[in-house]
Amino acid sequence: MQPYLRKLRKLKRGKPSDLEESVAKALFELETSHKTLRQELPRFHVNTVREVKVPRSKKTVLVVFYPLRFLMLVRKVQRALTSELEKRHPGYLVMLV
């Protein structure tokens, strides 16, 4: 098992998609390298990641679903985490749900 896959918990325990793996890799890299997120991300993981296309604006959004118990943690680091994930996934807007 790849070490970055511990950042991804799938409800059905299915094989993660390429998009989910790339977000898990980005979270793992942020956990090991980012100064401010290093303290908060070790206990954070996501359930699943979906790609949603917005037809009117022609934009694509990555919707990252995380467990409710991380709500207060995400509120603290949401701005930094969202901007870092958008840097690592160019062309996407990131939404944490």
PDB file of N, CA and C in Angstrom:
ATOM      1  N   MET A   1       0.843  -1.182   0.000  1.00  0.00           N
ATOM      2  CA  MET A   1       0.000   0.000   0.000  1.00  0.00           C
ATOM      3  C   MET A   1       0.887   1.244   0.000  1.00  0.00           C
ATOM      4  N   GLN A   2       0.565   2.162  -0.862  1.00  0.00           N
ATOM      5  CA  GLN A   2       1.313   3.411  -0.942  1.00  0.00           C
ATOM      6  C   GLN A   2       1.050   4.240   0.317  1.00  0.00           C
ATOM      7  N   PRO A   3       2.056   4.956   0.830  1.00  0.00           N
ATOM      8  CA  PRO A   3       1.840   5.728   2.061  1.00  0.00           C
ATOM      9  C   PRO A   3       0.819   6.851   1.904  1.00  0.00           C
ATOM     10  N   TYR A   4       0.679   7.390   0.707  1.00  0.00           N
ATOM     11  CA  TYR A   4      -0.275   8.485   0.521  1.00  0.00           C
ATOM     12  C   TYR A   4      -1.719   8.001   0.539  1.00  0.00           C
ATOM     13  N   LEU A   5      -1.951   6.709   0.350  1.00  0.00           N
ATOM     14  CA  LEU A   5      -3.326   6.202   0.320  1.00  0.00           C
ATOM     15  C   LEU A   5      -3.983   6.185   1.698  1.00  0.00           C
ATOM     16  N   ARG A   6      -3.196   6.386   2.756  1.00  0.00           N
ATOM     17  CA  ARG A   6      -3.824   6.464   4.078  1.00  0.00           C
ATOM     18  C   ARG A   6      -4.595   7.769   4.257  1.00  0.00           C
ATOM     19  N   LYS A   7      -4.426   8.708   3.329  1.00  0.00           N
ATOM     20  CA  LYS A   7      -5.181   9.956   3.343  1.00  0.00           C
ATOM     21  C   LYS A   7      -6.559   9.789   2.704  1.00  0.00           C
ATOM     22  N   LEU A   8      -6.842   8.634   2.159  1.00  0.00           N
ATOM     23  CA  LEU A   8      -8.097   8.387   1.451  1.00  0.00           C
ATOM     24  C   LEU A   8      -8.817   7.213   2.090  1.00  0.00           C
ATOM     25  N   ARG A   9     -10.018   7.446   2.555  1.00  0.00           N
ATOM     26  CA  ARG A   9     -10.848   6.394   3.111  1.00  0.00           C
ATOM     27  C   ARG A   9     -12.096   6.292   2.238  1.00  0.00           C
ATOM     28  N   LYS A  10     -12.228   5.211   1.546  1.00  0.00           N
ATOM     29  CA  LYS A  10     -13.391   5.013   0.686  1.00  0.00           C
ATOM     30  C   LYS A  10     -14.453   4.264   1.471  1.00  0.00           C
ATOM     31  N   LEU A  11     -15.687   4.718   1.334  1.00  0.00           N
ATOM     32  CA  LEU A  11     -16.766   4.090   2.078  1.00  0.00           C
ATOM     33  C   LEU A  11     -17.018   2.664   1.621  1.00  0.00           C
ATOM     34  N   LYS A  12     -16.933   2.422   0.342  1.00  0.00           N
ATOM     35  CA  LYS A  12     -17.206   1.086  -0.181  1.00  0.00           C
ATOM     36  C   LYS A  12     -15.934   0.264  -0.327  1.00  0.00           C
ATOM     37  N   ARG A  13     -14.806   0.833   0.039  1.00  0.00           N
ATOM     38  CA  ARG A  13     -13.499   0.158  -0.052  1.00  0.00           C
ATOM     39  C   ARG A  13     -13.188  -0.302  -1.467  1.00  0.00           C
ATOM     40  N   GLY A  14     -13.663   0.462  -2.413  1.00  0.00           N
ATOM     41  CA  GLY A  14     -13.364   0.170  -3.807  1.00  0.00           C
ATOM     42  C   GLY A  14     -11.999   0.704  -4.186  1.00  0.00           C
ATOM     43  N   LYS A  15     -11.614   0.443  -5.400  1.00  0.00           N
ATOM     44  CA  LYS A  15     -10.330   0.942  -5.891  1.00  0.00           C
ATOM     45  C   LYS A  15     -10.452   2.444  -6.115  1.00  0.00           C
ATOM     46  N   PRO A  16      -9.508   3.233  -5.592  1.00  0.00           N
ATOM     47  CA  PRO A  16      -9.601   4.687  -5.774  1.00  0.00           C
ATOM     48  C   PRO A  16      -9.361   5.094  -7.224  1.00  0.00           C
ATOM     49  N   SER A  17     -10.051   6.135  -7.641  1.00  0.00           N
ATOM     50  CA  SER A  17      -9.867   6.650  -8.996  1.00  0.00           C
ATOM     51  C   SER A  17      -8.551   7.417  -9.073  1.00  0.00           C
ATOM     52  N   ASP A  18      -8.144   7.747 -10.283  1.00  0.00           N
ATOM     53  CA  ASP A  18      -6.906   8.507 -10.468  1.00  0.00           C
ATOM     54  C   ASP A  18      -7.001   9.881  -9.811  1.00  0.00           C
ATOM     55  N   LEU A  19      -8.160  10.482  -9.881  1.00  0.00           N
ATOM     56  CA  LEU A  19      -8.368  11.791  -9.270  1.00  0.00           C
ATOM     57  C   LEU A  19      -8.240  11.710  -7.747  1.00  0.00           C
ATOM     58  N   GLU A  20      -8.821  10.677  -7.153  1.00  0.00           N
ATOM     59  CA  GLU A  20      -8.714  10.494  -5.706  1.00  0.00           C
ATOM     60  C   GLU A  20      -7.274  10.235  -5.289  1.00  0.00           C
ATOM     61  N   GLU A  21      -6.558   9.460  -6.091  1.00  0.00           N
ATOM     62  CA  GLU A  21      -5.150   9.210  -5.777  1.00  0.00           C
ATOM     63  C   GLU A  21      -4.325  10.478  -5.869  1.00  0.00           C
ATOM     64  N   SER A  22      -4.600  11.322  -6.858  1.00  0.00           N
ATOM     65  CA  SER A  22      -3.814  12.552  -6.993  1.00  0.00           C
ATOM     66  C   SER A  22      -4.088  13.513  -5.837  1.00  0.00           C
ATOM     67  N   VAL A  23      -5.330  13.584  -5.356  1.00  0.00           N
ATOM     68  CA  VAL A  23      -5.634  14.428  -4.198  1.00  0.00           C
ATOM     69  C   VAL A  23      -4.987  13.846  -2.946  1.00  0.00           C
ATOM     70  N   ALA A  24      -5.006  12.524  -2.801  1.00  0.00           N
ATOM     71  CA  ALA A  24      -4.352  11.901  -1.650  1.00  0.00           C
ATOM     72  C   ALA A  24      -2.848  12.162  -1.674  1.00  0.00           C
ATOM     73  N   LYS A  25      -2.236  12.085  -2.856  1.00  0.00           N
ATOM     74  CA  LYS A  25      -0.805  12.402  -2.979  1.00  0.00           C
ATOM     75  C   LYS A  25      -0.531  13.845  -2.587  1.00  0.00           C
ATOM     76  N   ALA A  26      -1.374  14.757  -3.049  1.00  0.00           N
ATOM     77  CA  ALA A  26      -1.186  16.175  -2.732  1.00  0.00           C
ATOM     78  C   ALA A  26      -1.316  16.416  -1.231  1.00  0.00           C
ATOM     79  N   LEU A  27      -2.290  15.768  -0.588  1.00  0.00           N
ATOM     80  CA  LEU A  27      -2.440  15.916   0.858  1.00  0.00           C
ATOM     81  C   LEU A  27      -1.229  15.368   1.599  1.00  0.00           C
ATOM     82  N   PHE A  28      -0.717  14.239   1.134  1.00  0.00           N
ATOM     83  CA  PHE A  28       0.460  13.645   1.771  1.00  0.00           C
ATOM     84  C   PHE A  28       1.680  14.550   1.605  1.00  0.00           C
ATOM     85  N   GLU A  29       1.853  15.118   0.407  1.00  0.00           N
ATOM     86  CA  GLU A  29       2.972  16.038   0.177  1.00  0.00           C
ATOM     87  C   GLU A  29       2.844  17.286   1.036  1.00  0.00           C
ATOM     88  N   LEU A  30       1.633  17.806   1.167  1.00  0.00           N
ATOM     89  CA  LEU A  30       1.423  18.978   2.017  1.00  0.00           C
ATOM     90  C   LEU A  30       1.708  18.656   3.478  1.00  0.00           C
ATOM     91  N   GLU A  31       1.337  17.452   3.891  1.00  0.00           N
ATOM     92  CA  GLU A  31       1.589  17.035   5.270  1.00  0.00           C
ATOM     93  C   GLU A  31       3.081  16.978   5.573  1.00  0.00           C
ATOM     94  N   THR A  32       3.863  16.574   4.596  1.00  0.00           N
ATOM     95  CA  THR A  32       5.296  16.429   4.837  1.00  0.00           C
ATOM     96  C   THR A  32       6.087  17.697   4.562  1.00  0.00           C
ATOM     97  N   SER A  33       5.568  18.614   3.744  1.00  0.00           N
ATOM     98  CA  SER A  33       6.410  19.733   3.334  1.00  0.00           C
ATOM     99  C   SER A  33       5.900  21.125   3.710  1.00  0.00           C
ATOM    100  N   HIS A  34       4.619  21.321   3.855  1.00  0.00           N
ATOM    101  CA  HIS A  34       4.071  22.668   4.084  1.00  0.00           C
ATOM    102  C   HIS A  34       4.233  23.064   5.555  1.00  0.00           C
ATOM    103  N   LYS A  35       4.703  24.282   5.787  1.00  0.00           N
ATOM    104  CA  LYS A  35       4.990  24.734   7.153  1.00  0.00           C
ATOM    105  C   LYS A  35       3.755  24.792   8.044  1.00  0.00           C
ATOM    106  N   THR A  36       2.717  25.452   7.584  1.00  0.00           N
ATOM    107  CA  THR A  36       1.557  25.651   8.452  1.00  0.00           C
ATOM    108  C   THR A  36       0.609  24.450   8.472  1.00  0.00           C
ATOM    109  N   LEU A  37       0.534  23.721   7.379  1.00  0.00           N
ATOM    110  CA  LEU A  37      -0.388  22.580   7.328  1.00  0.00           C
ATOM    111  C   LEU A  37       0.201  21.315   7.939  1.00  0.00           C
ATOM    112  N   ARG A  38       1.484  21.295   8.169  1.00  0.00           N
ATOM    113  CA  ARG A  38       2.159  20.102   8.685  1.00  0.00           C
ATOM    114  C   ARG A  38       1.580  19.654  10.027  1.00  0.00           C
ATOM    115  N   GLN A  39       1.184  20.597  10.858  1.00  0.00           N
ATOM    116  CA  GLN A  39       0.667  20.253  12.184  1.00  0.00           C
ATOM    117  C   GLN A  39      -0.775  19.759  12.141  1.00  0.00           C
ATOM    118  N   GLU A  40      -1.535  20.213  11.188  1.00  0.00           N
ATOM    119  CA  GLU A  40      -2.963  19.897  11.160  1.00  0.00           C
ATOM    120  C   GLU A  40      -3.316  18.671  10.323  1.00  0.00           C
ATOM    121  N   LEU A  41      -2.565  18.400   9.280  1.00  0.00           N
ATOM    122  CA  LEU A  41      -2.961  17.357   8.329  1.00  0.00           C
ATOM    123  C   LEU A  41      -2.681  15.913   8.734  1.00  0.00           C
ATOM    124  N   PRO A  42      -1.827  15.606   9.691  1.00  0.00           N
ATOM    125  CA  PRO A  42      -1.614  14.185   9.985  1.00  0.00           C
ATOM    126  C   PRO A  42      -2.871  13.423  10.378  1.00  0.00           C
ATOM    127  N   ARG A  43      -3.827  14.079  11.000  1.00  0.00           N
ATOM    128  CA  ARG A  43      -5.048  13.366  11.400  1.00  0.00           C
ATOM    129  C   ARG A  43      -6.201  13.553  10.414  1.00  0.00           C
ATOM    130  N   PHE A  44      -5.969  14.215   9.302  1.00  0.00           N
ATOM    131  CA  PHE A  44      -7.013  14.510   8.316  1.00  0.00           C
ATOM    132  C   PHE A  44      -6.993  13.496   7.184  1.00  0.00           C
ATOM    133  N   HIS A  45      -8.168  13.067   6.752  1.00  0.00           N
ATOM    134  CA  HIS A  45      -8.292  12.239   5.554  1.00  0.00           C
ATOM    135  C   HIS A  45      -9.607  12.580   4.849  1.00  0.00           C
ATOM    136  N   VAL A  46      -9.736  12.149   3.620  1.00  0.00           N
ATOM    137  CA  VAL A  46     -10.938  12.422   2.832  1.00  0.00           C
ATOM    138  C   VAL A  46     -11.646  11.112   2.510  1.00  0.00           C
ATOM    139  N   ASN A  47     -12.944  11.210   2.281  1.00  0.00           N
ATOM    140  CA  ASN A  47     -13.721  10.027   1.916  1.00  0.00           C
ATOM    141  C   ASN A  47     -13.663   9.767   0.418  1.00  0.00           C
ATOM    142  N   THR A  48     -13.967  10.766  -0.358  1.00  0.00           N
ATOM    143  CA  THR A  48     -13.973  10.602  -1.806  1.00  0.00           C
ATOM    144  C   THR A  48     -13.795  11.965  -2.478  1.00  0.00           C
ATOM    145  N   VAL A  49     -13.505  11.925  -3.767  1.00  0.00           N
ATOM    146  CA  VAL A  49     -13.316  13.143  -4.558  1.00  0.00           C
ATOM    147  C   VAL A  49     -14.127  12.988  -5.843  1.00  0.00           C
ATOM    148  N   ARG A  50     -14.893  14.013  -6.176  1.00  0.00           N
ATOM    149  CA  ARG A  50     -15.691  14.007  -7.404  1.00  0.00           C
ATOM    150  C   ARG A  50     -15.307  15.195  -8.273  1.00  0.00           C
ATOM    151  N   GLU A  51     -15.441  15.005  -9.563  1.00  0.00           N
ATOM    152  CA  GLU A  51     -15.204  16.084 -10.520  1.00  0.00           C
ATOM    153  C   GLU A  51     -16.556  16.533 -11.057  1.00  0.00           C
ATOM    154  N   VAL A  52     -16.843  17.820 -10.916  1.00  0.00           N
ATOM    155  CA  VAL A  52     -18.122  18.375 -11.350  1.00  0.00           C
ATOM    156  C   VAL A  52     -17.848  19.477 -12.362  1.00  0.00           C
ATOM    157  N   LYS A  53     -18.501  19.387 -13.509  1.00  0.00           N
ATOM    158  CA  LYS A  53     -18.359  20.426 -14.532  1.00  0.00           C
ATOM    159  C   LYS A  53     -19.530  21.396 -14.408  1.00  0.00           C
ATOM    160  N   VAL A  54     -19.208  22.675 -14.366  1.00  0.00           N
ATOM    161  CA  VAL A  54     -20.231  23.713 -14.280  1.00  0.00           C
ATOM    162  C   VAL A  54     -20.478  24.216 -15.697  1.00  0.00           C
ATOM    163  N   PRO A  55     -21.652  23.933 -16.276  1.00  0.00           N
ATOM    164  CA  PRO A  55     -21.862  24.214 -17.694  1.00  0.00           C
ATOM    165  C   PRO A  55     -21.841  25.696 -18.061  1.00  0.00           C
ATOM    166  N   ARG A  56     -22.403  26.551 -17.248  1.00  0.00           N
ATOM    167  CA  ARG A  56     -22.473  27.969 -17.612  1.00  0.00           C
ATOM    168  C   ARG A  56     -21.110  28.637 -17.617  1.00  0.00           C
ATOM    169  N   SER A  57     -20.289  28.309 -16.655  1.00  0.00           N
ATOM    170  CA  SER A  57     -19.003  29.003 -16.550  1.00  0.00           C
ATOM    171  C   SER A  57     -17.863  28.217 -17.181  1.00  0.00           C
ATOM    172  N   LYS A  58     -18.134  27.022 -17.655  1.00  0.00           N
ATOM    173  CA  LYS A  58     -17.124  26.182 -18.302  1.00  0.00           C
ATOM    174  C   LYS A  58     -15.960  25.855 -17.367  1.00  0.00           C
ATOM    175  N   LYS A  59     -16.223  25.818 -16.073  1.00  0.00           N
ATOM    176  CA  LYS A  59     -15.185  25.496 -15.100  1.00  0.00           C
ATOM    177  C   LYS A  59     -15.419  24.097 -14.560  1.00  0.00           C
ATOM    178  N   THR A  60     -14.355  23.509 -14.058  1.00  0.00           N
ATOM    179  CA  THR A  60     -14.435  22.194 -13.451  1.00  0.00           C
ATOM    180  C   THR A  60     -14.067  22.320 -11.980  1.00  0.00           C
ATOM    181  N   VAL A  61     -14.860  21.686 -11.136  1.00  0.00           N
ATOM    182  CA  VAL A  61     -14.676  21.787  -9.697  1.00  0.00           C
ATOM    183  C   VAL A  61     -14.331  20.414  -9.144  1.00  0.00           C
ATOM    184  N   LEU A  62     -13.312  20.358  -8.284  1.00  0.00           N
ATOM    185  CA  LEU A  62     -13.023  19.147  -7.524  1.00  0.00           C
ATOM    186  C   LEU A  62     -13.759  19.269  -6.199  1.00  0.00           C
ATOM    187  N   VAL A  63     -14.696  18.390  -5.966  1.00  0.00           N
ATOM    188  CA  VAL A  63     -15.427  18.389  -4.705  1.00  0.00           C
ATOM    189  C   VAL A  63     -14.802  17.306  -3.839  1.00  0.00           C
ATOM    190  N   VAL A  64     -14.188  17.730  -2.743  1.00  0.00           N
ATOM    191  CA  VAL A  64     -13.490  16.824  -1.836  1.00  0.00           C
ATOM    192  C   VAL A  64     -14.389  16.611  -0.623  1.00  0.00           C
ATOM    193  N   PHE A  65     -14.841  15.375  -0.425  1.00  0.00           N
ATOM    194  CA  PHE A  65     -15.708  15.043   0.698  1.00  0.00           C
ATOM    195  C   PHE A  65     -14.856  14.531   1.852  1.00  0.00           C
ATOM    196  N   TYR A  66     -15.070  15.093   3.034  1.00  0.00           N
ATOM    197  CA  TYR A  66     -14.335  14.672   4.225  1.00  0.00           C
ATOM    198  C   TYR A  66     -15.334  14.358   5.338  1.00  0.00           C
ATOM    199  N   PRO A  67     -14.935  13.580   6.349  1.00  0.00           N
ATOM    200  CA  PRO A  67     -15.851  13.249   7.444  1.00  0.00           C
ATOM    201  C   PRO A  67     -16.218  14.488   8.271  1.00  0.00           C
ATOM    202  N   LEU A  68     -17.400  14.485   8.817  1.00  0.00           N
ATOM    203  CA  LEU A  68     -17.907  15.613   9.582  1.00  0.00           C
ATOM    204  C   LEU A  68     -17.057  15.907  10.816  1.00  0.00           C
ATOM    205  N   ARG A  69     -16.421  14.913  11.367  1.00  0.00           N
ATOM    206  CA  ARG A  69     -15.627  15.136  12.578  1.00  0.00           C
ATOM    207  C   ARG A  69     -14.428  16.055  12.331  1.00  0.00           C
ATOM    208  N   PHE A  70     -14.072  16.294  11.080  1.00  0.00           N
ATOM    209  CA  PHE A  70     -12.963  17.191  10.754  1.00  0.00           C
ATOM    210  C   PHE A  70     -13.430  18.614  10.437  1.00  0.00           C
ATOM    211  N   LEU A  71     -14.682  18.931  10.717  1.00  0.00           N
ATOM    212  CA  LEU A  71     -15.227  20.234  10.356  1.00  0.00           C
ATOM    213  C   LEU A  71     -14.440  21.384  10.982  1.00  0.00           C
ATOM    214  N   MET A  72     -14.155  21.317  12.263  1.00  0.00           N
ATOM    215  CA  MET A  72     -13.431  22.406  12.928  1.00  0.00           C
ATOM    216  C   MET A  72     -11.995  22.500  12.421  1.00  0.00           C
ATOM    217  N   LEU A  73     -11.380  21.374  12.143  1.00  0.00           N
ATOM    218  CA  LEU A  73     -10.024  21.372  11.587  1.00  0.00           C
ATOM    219  C   LEU A  73     -10.006  22.033  10.215  1.00  0.00           C
ATOM    220  N   VAL A  74     -10.974  21.683   9.376  1.00  0.00           N
ATOM    221  CA  VAL A  74     -11.028  22.239   8.025  1.00  0.00           C
ATOM    222  C   VAL A  74     -11.316  23.737   8.079  1.00  0.00           C
ATOM    223  N   ARG A  75     -12.128  24.165   9.009  1.00  0.00           N
ATOM    224  CA  ARG A  75     -12.396  25.603   9.133  1.00  0.00           C
ATOM    225  C   ARG A  75     -11.120  26.382   9.429  1.00  0.00           C
ATOM    226  N   LYS A  76     -10.220  25.784  10.223  1.00  0.00           N
ATOM    227  CA  LYS A  76      -8.971  26.475  10.560  1.00  0.00           C
ATOM    228  C   LYS A  76      -8.042  26.603   9.364  1.00  0.00           C
ATOM    229  N   VAL A  77      -7.978  25.566   8.530  1.00  0.00           N
ATOM    230  CA  VAL A  77      -6.967  25.526   7.465  1.00  0.00           C
ATOM    231  C   VAL A  77      -7.566  25.580   6.065  1.00  0.00           C
ATOM    232  N   GLN A  78      -8.850  25.899   5.951  1.00  0.00           N
ATOM    233  CA  GLN A  78      -9.528  25.808   4.656  1.00  0.00           C
ATOM    234  C   GLN A  78      -8.893  26.693   3.591  1.00  0.00           C
ATOM    235  N   ARG A  79      -8.571  27.915   3.918  1.00  0.00           N
ATOM    236  CA  ARG A  79      -8.025  28.833   2.916  1.00  0.00           C
ATOM    237  C   ARG A  79      -6.685  28.328   2.389  1.00  0.00           C
ATOM    238  N   ALA A  80      -5.787  27.934   3.288  1.00  0.00           N
ATOM    239  CA  ALA A  80      -4.471  27.456   2.863  1.00  0.00           C
ATOM    240  C   ALA A  80      -4.583  26.124   2.126  1.00  0.00           C
ATOM    241  N   LEU A  81      -5.417  25.223   2.637  1.00  0.00           N
ATOM    242  CA  LEU A  81      -5.565  23.904   2.023  1.00  0.00           C
ATOM    243  C   LEU A  81      -6.175  24.011   0.627  1.00  0.00           C
ATOM    244  N   THR A  82      -7.198  24.825   0.474  1.00  0.00           N
ATOM    245  CA  THR A  82      -7.831  25.002  -0.831  1.00  0.00           C
ATOM    246  C   THR A  82      -6.866  25.597  -1.844  1.00  0.00           C
ATOM    247  N   SER A  83      -6.132  26.618  -1.445  1.00  0.00           N
ATOM    248  CA  SER A  83      -5.208  27.245  -2.399  1.00  0.00           C
ATOM    249  C   SER A  83      -4.078  26.301  -2.780  1.00  0.00           C
ATOM    250  N   GLU A  84      -3.580  25.514  -1.842  1.00  0.00           N
ATOM    251  CA  GLU A  84      -2.510  24.565  -2.159  1.00  0.00           C
ATOM    252  C   GLU A  84      -3.007  23.442  -3.067  1.00  0.00           C
ATOM    253  N   LEU A  85      -4.224  22.963  -2.840  1.00  0.00           N
ATOM    254  CA  LEU A  85      -4.775  21.925  -3.720  1.00  0.00           C
ATOM    255  C   LEU A  85      -5.039  22.476  -5.118  1.00  0.00           C
ATOM    256  N   GLU A  86      -5.453  23.733  -5.218  1.00  0.00           N
ATOM    257  CA  GLU A  86      -5.665  24.336  -6.537  1.00  0.00           C
ATOM    258  C   GLU A  86      -4.345  24.531  -7.271  1.00  0.00           C
ATOM    259  N   LYS A  87      -3.269  24.792  -6.547  1.00  0.00           N
ATOM    260  CA  LYS A  87      -1.950  24.905  -7.176  1.00  0.00           C
ATOM    261  C   LYS A  87      -1.499  23.563  -7.725  1.00  0.00           C
ATOM    262  N   ARG A  88      -1.807  22.494  -7.005  1.00  0.00           N
ATOM    263  CA  ARG A  88      -1.365  21.167  -7.418  1.00  0.00           C
ATOM    264  C   ARG A  88      -2.276  20.550  -8.480  1.00  0.00           C
ATOM    265  N   HIS A  89      -3.453  21.115  -8.663  1.00  0.00           N
ATOM    266  CA  HIS A  89      -4.393  20.654  -9.692  1.00  0.00           C
ATOM    267  C   HIS A  89      -4.813  21.853 -10.537  1.00  0.00           C
ATOM    268  N   PRO A  90      -3.956  22.285 -11.447  1.00  0.00           N
ATOM    269  CA  PRO A  90      -4.290  23.473 -12.250  1.00  0.00           C
ATOM    270  C   PRO A  90      -5.504  23.218 -13.150  1.00  0.00           C
ATOM    271  N   GLY A  91      -6.308  24.237 -13.306  1.00  0.00           N
ATOM    272  CA  GLY A  91      -7.506  24.118 -14.130  1.00  0.00           C
ATOM    273  C   GLY A  91      -8.735  23.709 -13.342  1.00  0.00           C
ATOM    274  N   TYR A  92      -8.565  23.407 -12.064  1.00  0.00           N
ATOM    275  CA  TYR A  92      -9.684  23.007 -11.212  1.00  0.00           C
ATOM    276  C   TYR A  92      -9.891  24.031 -10.104  1.00  0.00           C
ATOM    277  N   LEU A  93     -11.133  24.206  -9.708  1.00  0.00           N
ATOM    278  CA  LEU A  93     -11.455  24.890  -8.465  1.00  0.00           C
ATOM    279  C   LEU A  93     -11.679  23.799  -7.432  1.00  0.00           C
ATOM    280  N   VAL A  94     -11.309  24.031  -6.194  1.00  0.00           N
ATOM    281  CA  VAL A  94     -11.433  23.009  -5.153  1.00  0.00           C
ATOM    282  C   VAL A  94     -12.487  23.441  -4.149  1.00  0.00           C
ATOM    283  N   MET A  95     -13.385  22.508  -3.822  1.00  0.00           N
ATOM    284  CA  MET A  95     -14.413  22.750  -2.822  1.00  0.00           C
ATOM    285  C   MET A  95     -14.343  21.629  -1.796  1.00  0.00           C
ATOM    286  N   LEU A  96     -14.264  21.988  -0.530  1.00  0.00           N
ATOM    287  CA  LEU A  96     -14.224  21.005   0.555  1.00  0.00           C
ATOM    288  C   LEU A  96     -15.619  20.879   1.145  1.00  0.00           C
ATOM    289  N   VAL A  97     -16.158  19.661   1.134  1.00  0.00           N
ATOM    290  CA  VAL A  97     -17.517  19.419   1.633  1.00  0.00           C
ATOM    291  C   VAL A  97     -17.471  18.288   2.625  1.00  0.00           C
TER     292      VAL A  97
END
